[in-house]
Amino acid sequence: LFGYTDGATIRNVTLNSGSVTGDQFTGALVGYASNSTIENIINTQDVNGRSYVGGIVGAAGSGSELTNLINVGTVRATVGTATNENSFNVGGIVGSLDNSKLDGTTYNLGAVIAGDSSAVGGLVGRATNSTIGNEKGEVIYNQLNVTGGHEVGGIVGQIDSSTVQNVANYGDISAQDFAEEDYQYHTADKQETD
């Protein structure tokens, strides 16, 4: 619906049927939201893109507040055809959340399918300096399965300096491009390897 918003307020929108297809910054409602308030949104459209792909918002930053968002559509990401076109930051609600907040009655009921992508989450692909979930009260959640390459999670695929609280995941998680390594842990007086 909107490619880019800055300082916008968008409320009470329902997006029915059809699909949205793009490359980067692809969402059913907004591709990239900067310093924006987005609330009371329901999406049933399928969303297809490569990077920064979300069921409702592709990427949100600069203090954006996302509240009461429901996605029912399938979110799908594919790697580009050029050798340097990776796919990353894919989420059921928002692909990338940077210095922003996701809360309220928010949940994802759509599958997230991102086979070779990184930072893939049922709610948020990548969160940086952000807050996900309500401080108290209602739990926000992901209901369906999440498939990605690596850094795949039911709530968030990759998280940096962020808070996640009162959330739940009910879907199966599958990371297709994984690496097995020895886990190293430290104790007060020694280091061991399993």
C-alpha atoms as a PDB file:
ATOM      1  CA  LEU A   1       0.000   0.000   0.000  1.00  0.00           C
ATOM      2  CA  PHE A   2       2.824   2.409   0.965  1.00  0.00           C
ATOM      3  CA  GLY A   3       6.425   2.102  -0.173  1.00  0.00           C
ATOM      4  CA  TYR A   4       7.921   4.486   2.411  1.00  0.00           C
ATOM      5  CA  THR A   5       6.550   6.411   5.377  1.00  0.00           C
ATOM      6  CA  ASP A   6       8.269   8.979   7.613  1.00  0.00           C
ATOM      7  CA  GLY A   7       6.484  10.372  10.658  1.00  0.00           C
ATOM      8  CA  ALA A   8       3.208   8.822   9.484  1.00  0.00           C
ATOM      9  CA  THR A   9       0.288   7.440  11.484  1.00  0.00           C
ATOM     10  CA  ILE A  10      -1.614   4.550   9.900  1.00  0.00           C
ATOM     11  CA  ARG A  11      -4.554   3.015  11.781  1.00  0.00           C
ATOM     12  CA  ASN A  12      -7.491   0.665  11.262  1.00  0.00           C
ATOM     13  CA  VAL A  13      -6.631  -0.904   7.901  1.00  0.00           C
ATOM     14  CA  THR A  14      -7.641  -4.349   6.615  1.00  0.00           C
ATOM     15  CA  LEU A  15      -5.848  -5.750   3.572  1.00  0.00           C
ATOM     16  CA  ASN A  16      -7.918  -8.544   1.975  1.00  0.00           C
ATOM     17  CA  SER A  17      -6.874 -11.207  -0.544  1.00  0.00           C
ATOM     18  CA  GLY A  18      -4.364 -10.960  -3.367  1.00  0.00           C
ATOM     19  CA  SER A  19      -0.599 -10.713  -2.965  1.00  0.00           C
ATOM     20  CA  VAL A  20       2.264  -8.238  -2.789  1.00  0.00           C
ATOM     21  CA  THR A  21       5.540  -8.982  -4.583  1.00  0.00           C
ATOM     22  CA  GLY A  22       8.777  -7.011  -4.450  1.00  0.00           C
ATOM     23  CA  ASP A  23      12.520  -7.302  -3.986  1.00  0.00           C
ATOM     24  CA  GLN A  24      13.676  -5.417  -0.884  1.00  0.00           C
ATOM     25  CA  PHE A  25      11.574  -3.592   1.722  1.00  0.00           C
ATOM     26  CA  THR A  26       8.384  -5.450   0.926  1.00  0.00           C
ATOM     27  CA  GLY A  27       5.331  -5.536   3.203  1.00  0.00           C
ATOM     28  CA  ALA A  28       1.593  -5.719   2.646  1.00  0.00           C
ATOM     29  CA  LEU A  29       1.086  -2.301   4.278  1.00  0.00           C
ATOM     30  CA  VAL A  30       4.475  -0.511   4.249  1.00  0.00           C
ATOM     31  CA  GLY A  31       7.808  -1.300   2.653  1.00  0.00           C
ATOM     32  CA  TYR A  32       9.850   0.906   5.011  1.00  0.00           C
ATOM     33  CA  ALA A  33       8.385   2.790   7.990  1.00  0.00           C
ATOM     34  CA  SER A  34      10.525   5.476   9.647  1.00  0.00           C
ATOM     35  CA  ASN A  35       9.374   7.152  12.874  1.00  0.00           C
ATOM     36  CA  SER A  36       5.831   5.957  12.160  1.00  0.00           C
ATOM     37  CA  THR A  37       2.888   4.729  14.230  1.00  0.00           C
ATOM     38  CA  ILE A  38       1.123   1.709  12.760  1.00  0.00           C
ATOM     39  CA  GLU A  39      -1.765   0.124  14.634  1.00  0.00           C
ATOM     40  CA  ASN A  40      -4.884  -1.996  14.242  1.00  0.00           C
ATOM     41  CA  ILE A  41      -3.889  -3.666  10.969  1.00  0.00           C
ATOM     42  CA  ILE A  42      -5.106  -7.004   9.595  1.00  0.00           C
ATOM     43  CA  ASN A  43      -3.473  -8.547   6.540  1.00  0.00           C
ATOM     44  CA  THR A  44      -4.623 -11.626   4.619  1.00  0.00           C
ATOM     45  CA  GLN A  45      -2.456 -11.033   1.525  1.00  0.00           C
ATOM     46  CA  ASP A  46       0.558 -13.195   0.704  1.00  0.00           C
ATOM     47  CA  VAL A  47       3.844 -11.268   0.653  1.00  0.00           C
ATOM     48  CA  ASN A  48       6.792 -12.244  -1.556  1.00  0.00           C
ATOM     49  CA  GLY A  49      10.222 -10.608  -1.634  1.00  0.00           C
ATOM     50  CA  ARG A  50      13.946 -11.112  -1.127  1.00  0.00           C
ATOM     51  CA  SER A  51      15.160  -9.065   1.844  1.00  0.00           C
ATOM     52  CA  TYR A  52      13.452  -6.922   4.477  1.00  0.00           C
ATOM     53  CA  VAL A  53      10.212  -8.790   3.924  1.00  0.00           C
ATOM     54  CA  GLY A  54       7.346  -8.766   6.424  1.00  0.00           C
ATOM     55  CA  GLY A  55       3.701  -9.752   6.463  1.00  0.00           C
ATOM     56  CA  ILE A  56       2.741  -6.183   7.358  1.00  0.00           C
ATOM     57  CA  VAL A  57       5.913  -4.052   7.283  1.00  0.00           C
ATOM     58  CA  GLY A  58       9.149  -4.785   5.424  1.00  0.00           C
ATOM     59  CA  ALA A  59      11.312  -2.758   7.818  1.00  0.00           C
ATOM     60  CA  ALA A  60      10.567  -0.327  10.657  1.00  0.00           C
ATOM     61  CA  GLY A  61      13.076   2.062  12.191  1.00  0.00           C
ATOM     62  CA  SER A  62      13.769   5.390  13.900  1.00  0.00           C
ATOM     63  CA  GLY A  63      11.337   4.966  16.778  1.00  0.00           C
ATOM     64  CA  SER A  64       8.414   3.411  14.917  1.00  0.00           C
ATOM     65  CA  GLU A  65       5.665   1.900  17.068  1.00  0.00           C
ATOM     66  CA  LEU A  66       3.781  -1.138  15.748  1.00  0.00           C
ATOM     67  CA  THR A  67       0.712  -2.161  17.757  1.00  0.00           C
ATOM     68  CA  ASN A  68      -2.173  -4.619  17.257  1.00  0.00           C
ATOM     69  CA  LEU A  69      -0.978  -6.194  14.017  1.00  0.00           C
ATOM     70  CA  ILE A  70      -2.370  -9.470  12.669  1.00  0.00           C
ATOM     71  CA  ASN A  71      -0.940 -11.272   9.653  1.00  0.00           C
ATOM     72  CA  VAL A  72      -2.718 -14.260   8.105  1.00  0.00           C
ATOM     73  CA  GLY A  73      -0.968 -14.316   4.715  1.00  0.00           C
ATOM     74  CA  THR A  74       2.048 -16.447   3.811  1.00  0.00           C
ATOM     75  CA  VAL A  75       5.380 -14.614   3.842  1.00  0.00           C
ATOM     76  CA  ARG A  76       7.863 -15.982   1.323  1.00  0.00           C
ATOM     77  CA  ALA A  77      11.439 -14.931   0.523  1.00  0.00           C
ATOM     78  CA  THR A  78      13.744 -16.174  -2.194  1.00  0.00           C
ATOM     79  CA  VAL A  79      17.412 -15.623  -2.947  1.00  0.00           C
ATOM     80  CA  GLY A  80      18.106 -13.444  -5.988  1.00  0.00           C
ATOM     81  CA  THR A  81      19.523 -14.830  -9.210  1.00  0.00           C
ATOM     82  CA  ALA A  82      22.795 -12.860  -9.080  1.00  0.00           C
ATOM     83  CA  THR A  83      25.572 -14.495  -7.064  1.00  0.00           C
ATOM     84  CA  ASN A  84      25.709 -11.630  -4.553  1.00  0.00           C
ATOM     85  CA  GLU A  85      21.964 -11.366  -3.956  1.00  0.00           C
ATOM     86  CA  ASN A  86      21.401 -12.871  -0.536  1.00  0.00           C
ATOM     87  CA  SER A  87      18.065 -13.010   1.216  1.00  0.00           C
ATOM     88  CA  PHE A  88      17.747 -11.824   4.822  1.00  0.00           C
ATOM     89  CA  ASN A  89      15.525 -10.134   7.426  1.00  0.00           C
ATOM     90  CA  VAL A  90      12.234 -11.943   6.867  1.00  0.00           C
ATOM     91  CA  GLY A  91       9.419 -11.957   9.440  1.00  0.00           C
ATOM     92  CA  GLY A  92       5.756 -12.845   9.785  1.00  0.00           C
ATOM     93  CA  ILE A  93       4.944  -9.304  10.967  1.00  0.00           C
ATOM     94  CA  VAL A  94       8.040  -7.208  10.171  1.00  0.00           C
ATOM     95  CA  GLY A  95      11.281  -8.099   8.415  1.00  0.00           C
ATOM     96  CA  SER A  96      13.544  -5.743  10.358  1.00  0.00           C
ATOM     97  CA  LEU A  97      12.808  -3.782  13.556  1.00  0.00           C
ATOM     98  CA  ASP A  98      15.427  -1.140  14.390  1.00  0.00           C
ATOM     99  CA  ASN A  99      15.132   1.185  17.396  1.00  0.00           C
ATOM    100  CA  SER A 100      11.384   0.523  17.394  1.00  0.00           C
ATOM    101  CA  LYS A 101       8.621  -1.317  19.285  1.00  0.00           C
ATOM    102  CA  LEU A 102       6.203  -4.162  18.484  1.00  0.00           C
ATOM    103  CA  ASP A 103       3.418  -4.786  21.008  1.00  0.00           C
ATOM    104  CA  GLY A 104      -0.342  -4.925  21.641  1.00  0.00           C
ATOM    105  CA  THR A 105      -2.590  -7.689  20.370  1.00  0.00           C
ATOM    106  CA  THR A 106      -0.141  -8.834  17.726  1.00  0.00           C
ATOM    107  CA  TYR A 107       0.187 -12.267  16.160  1.00  0.00           C
ATOM    108  CA  ASN A 108       1.185 -14.076  13.003  1.00  0.00           C
ATOM    109  CA  LEU A 109      -1.031 -16.831  11.588  1.00  0.00           C
ATOM    110  CA  GLY A 110       0.776 -17.163   8.254  1.00  0.00           C
ATOM    111  CA  ALA A 111       3.611 -19.493   7.334  1.00  0.00           C
ATOM    112  CA  VAL A 112       7.053 -17.929   6.894  1.00  0.00           C
ATOM    113  CA  ILE A 113       8.922 -19.692   4.083  1.00  0.00           C
ATOM    114  CA  ALA A 114      12.447 -18.444   3.403  1.00  0.00           C
ATOM    115  CA  GLY A 115      14.511 -21.491   2.413  1.00  0.00           C
ATOM    116  CA  ASP A 116      18.038 -20.072   2.066  1.00  0.00           C
ATOM    117  CA  SER A 117      17.501 -16.793   3.928  1.00  0.00           C
ATOM    118  CA  SER A 118      19.136 -15.622   7.148  1.00  0.00           C
ATOM    119  CA  ALA A 119      17.509 -13.764  10.060  1.00  0.00           C
ATOM    120  CA  VAL A 120      14.066 -15.332   9.664  1.00  0.00           C
ATOM    121  CA  GLY A 121      11.456 -15.094  12.426  1.00  0.00           C
ATOM    122  CA  GLY A 122       7.819 -15.884  13.064  1.00  0.00           C
ATOM    123  CA  LEU A 123       7.246 -12.299  14.182  1.00  0.00           C
ATOM    124  CA  VAL A 124      10.447 -10.369  13.391  1.00  0.00           C
ATOM    125  CA  GLY A 125      13.348 -11.294  11.121  1.00  0.00           C
ATOM    126  CA  ARG A 126      15.952  -9.108  12.821  1.00  0.00           C
ATOM    127  CA  ALA A 127      15.566  -6.861  15.875  1.00  0.00           C
ATOM    128  CA  THR A 128      18.142  -4.222  16.811  1.00  0.00           C
ATOM    129  CA  ASN A 129      17.778  -1.892  19.826  1.00  0.00           C
ATOM    130  CA  SER A 130      14.067  -2.695  19.919  1.00  0.00           C
ATOM    131  CA  THR A 131      11.351  -4.048  22.212  1.00  0.00           C
ATOM    132  CA  ILE A 132       9.100  -6.944  21.225  1.00  0.00           C
ATOM    133  CA  GLY A 133       6.111  -7.825  23.397  1.00  0.00           C
ATOM    134  CA  ASN A 134       4.014  -6.227  26.091  1.00  0.00           C
ATOM    135  CA  GLU A 135       5.548  -5.357  29.443  1.00  0.00           C
ATOM    136  CA  LYS A 136       2.663  -7.168  31.110  1.00  0.00           C
ATOM    137  CA  GLY A 137      -0.610  -8.645  30.049  1.00  0.00           C
ATOM    138  CA  GLU A 138      -1.290 -10.092  26.640  1.00  0.00           C
ATOM    139  CA  VAL A 139       1.201 -12.397  24.964  1.00  0.00           C
ATOM    140  CA  ILE A 140       2.067 -11.776  21.324  1.00  0.00           C
ATOM    141  CA  TYR A 141       2.731 -14.921  19.331  1.00  0.00           C
ATOM    142  CA  ASN A 142       3.531 -16.820  16.167  1.00  0.00           C
ATOM    143  CA  GLN A 143       1.205 -19.684  15.237  1.00  0.00           C
ATOM    144  CA  LEU A 144       2.556 -21.297  12.053  1.00  0.00           C
ATOM    145  CA  ASN A 145       5.789 -22.871  10.859  1.00  0.00           C
ATOM    146  CA  VAL A 146       8.954 -20.897  10.110  1.00  0.00           C
ATOM    147  CA  THR A 147      11.515 -22.178   7.584  1.00  0.00           C
ATOM    148  CA  GLY A 148      14.787 -20.459   6.731  1.00  0.00           C
ATOM    149  CA  GLY A 149      18.448 -20.986   6.007  1.00  0.00           C
ATOM    150  CA  HIS A 150      20.101 -19.954   9.274  1.00  0.00           C
ATOM    151  CA  GLU A 151      19.370 -17.655  12.230  1.00  0.00           C
ATOM    152  CA  VAL A 152      15.777 -18.887  12.270  1.00  0.00           C
ATOM    153  CA  GLY A 153      13.431 -18.427  15.242  1.00  0.00           C
ATOM    154  CA  GLY A 154       9.782 -18.712  16.164  1.00  0.00           C
ATOM    155  CA  ILE A 155       9.773 -15.134  17.473  1.00  0.00           C
ATOM    156  CA  VAL A 156      12.953 -13.432  16.172  1.00  0.00           C
ATOM    157  CA  GLY A 157      15.593 -14.788  13.813  1.00  0.00           C
ATOM    158  CA  GLN A 158      18.435 -12.492  14.879  1.00  0.00           C
ATOM    159  CA  ILE A 159      18.410 -10.190  17.890  1.00  0.00           C
ATOM    160  CA  ASP A 160      20.858  -7.447  18.876  1.00  0.00           C
ATOM    161  CA  SER A 161      20.560  -5.279  22.019  1.00  0.00           C
ATOM    162  CA  SER A 162      16.790  -5.791  22.197  1.00  0.00           C
ATOM    163  CA  THR A 163      14.145  -6.863  24.729  1.00  0.00           C
ATOM    164  CA  VAL A 164      11.719  -9.715  24.095  1.00  0.00           C
ATOM    165  CA  GLN A 165       8.973 -10.222  26.690  1.00  0.00           C
ATOM    166  CA  ASN A 166       5.663 -12.091  27.027  1.00  0.00           C
ATOM    167  CA  VAL A 167       5.812 -13.849  23.664  1.00  0.00           C
ATOM    168  CA  ALA A 168       5.045 -17.378  22.477  1.00  0.00           C
ATOM    169  CA  ASN A 169       5.717 -19.576  19.471  1.00  0.00           C
ATOM    170  CA  TYR A 170       3.470 -22.500  18.499  1.00  0.00           C
ATOM    171  CA  GLY A 171       4.927 -23.294  15.066  1.00  0.00           C
ATOM    172  CA  ASP A 172       7.693 -25.666  14.007  1.00  0.00           C
ATOM    173  CA  ILE A 173      11.080 -24.100  13.261  1.00  0.00           C
ATOM    174  CA  SER A 174      13.386 -25.380  10.522  1.00  0.00           C
ATOM    175  CA  ALA A 175      16.868 -24.036   9.749  1.00  0.00           C
ATOM    176  CA  GLN A 176      17.996 -25.698   6.545  1.00  0.00           C
ATOM    177  CA  ASP A 177      21.559 -24.323   6.323  1.00  0.00           C
ATOM    178  CA  PHE A 178      23.023 -25.176   9.683  1.00  0.00           C
ATOM    179  CA  ALA A 179      26.513 -25.985  10.897  1.00  0.00           C
ATOM    180  CA  GLU A 180      27.379 -28.347  13.726  1.00  0.00           C
ATOM    181  CA  GLU A 181      30.188 -27.310  16.027  1.00  0.00           C
ATOM    182  CA  ASP A 182      31.438 -28.223  19.460  1.00  0.00           C
ATOM    183  CA  TYR A 183      29.801 -26.147  22.135  1.00  0.00           C
ATOM    184  CA  GLN A 184      32.290 -24.498  24.457  1.00  0.00           C
ATOM    185  CA  TYR A 185      31.346 -23.262  27.867  1.00  0.00           C
ATOM    186  CA  HIS A 186      33.225 -21.714  30.725  1.00  0.00           C
ATOM    187  CA  THR A 187      33.070 -22.442  34.415  1.00  0.00           C
ATOM    188  CA  ALA A 188      34.731 -20.533  37.212  1.00  0.00           C
ATOM    189  CA  ASP A 189      37.873 -22.656  37.131  1.00  0.00           C
ATOM    190  CA  LYS A 190      38.024 -24.409  33.754  1.00  0.00           C
ATOM    191  CA  GLN A 191      36.844 -24.507  30.167  1.00  0.00           C
ATOM    192  CA  GLU A 192      35.287 -27.648  28.753  1.00  0.00           C
ATOM    193  CA  THR A 193      34.216 -28.809  25.318  1.00  0.00           C
ATOM    194  CA  ASP A 194      31.265 -31.115  24.682  1.00  0.00           C
END
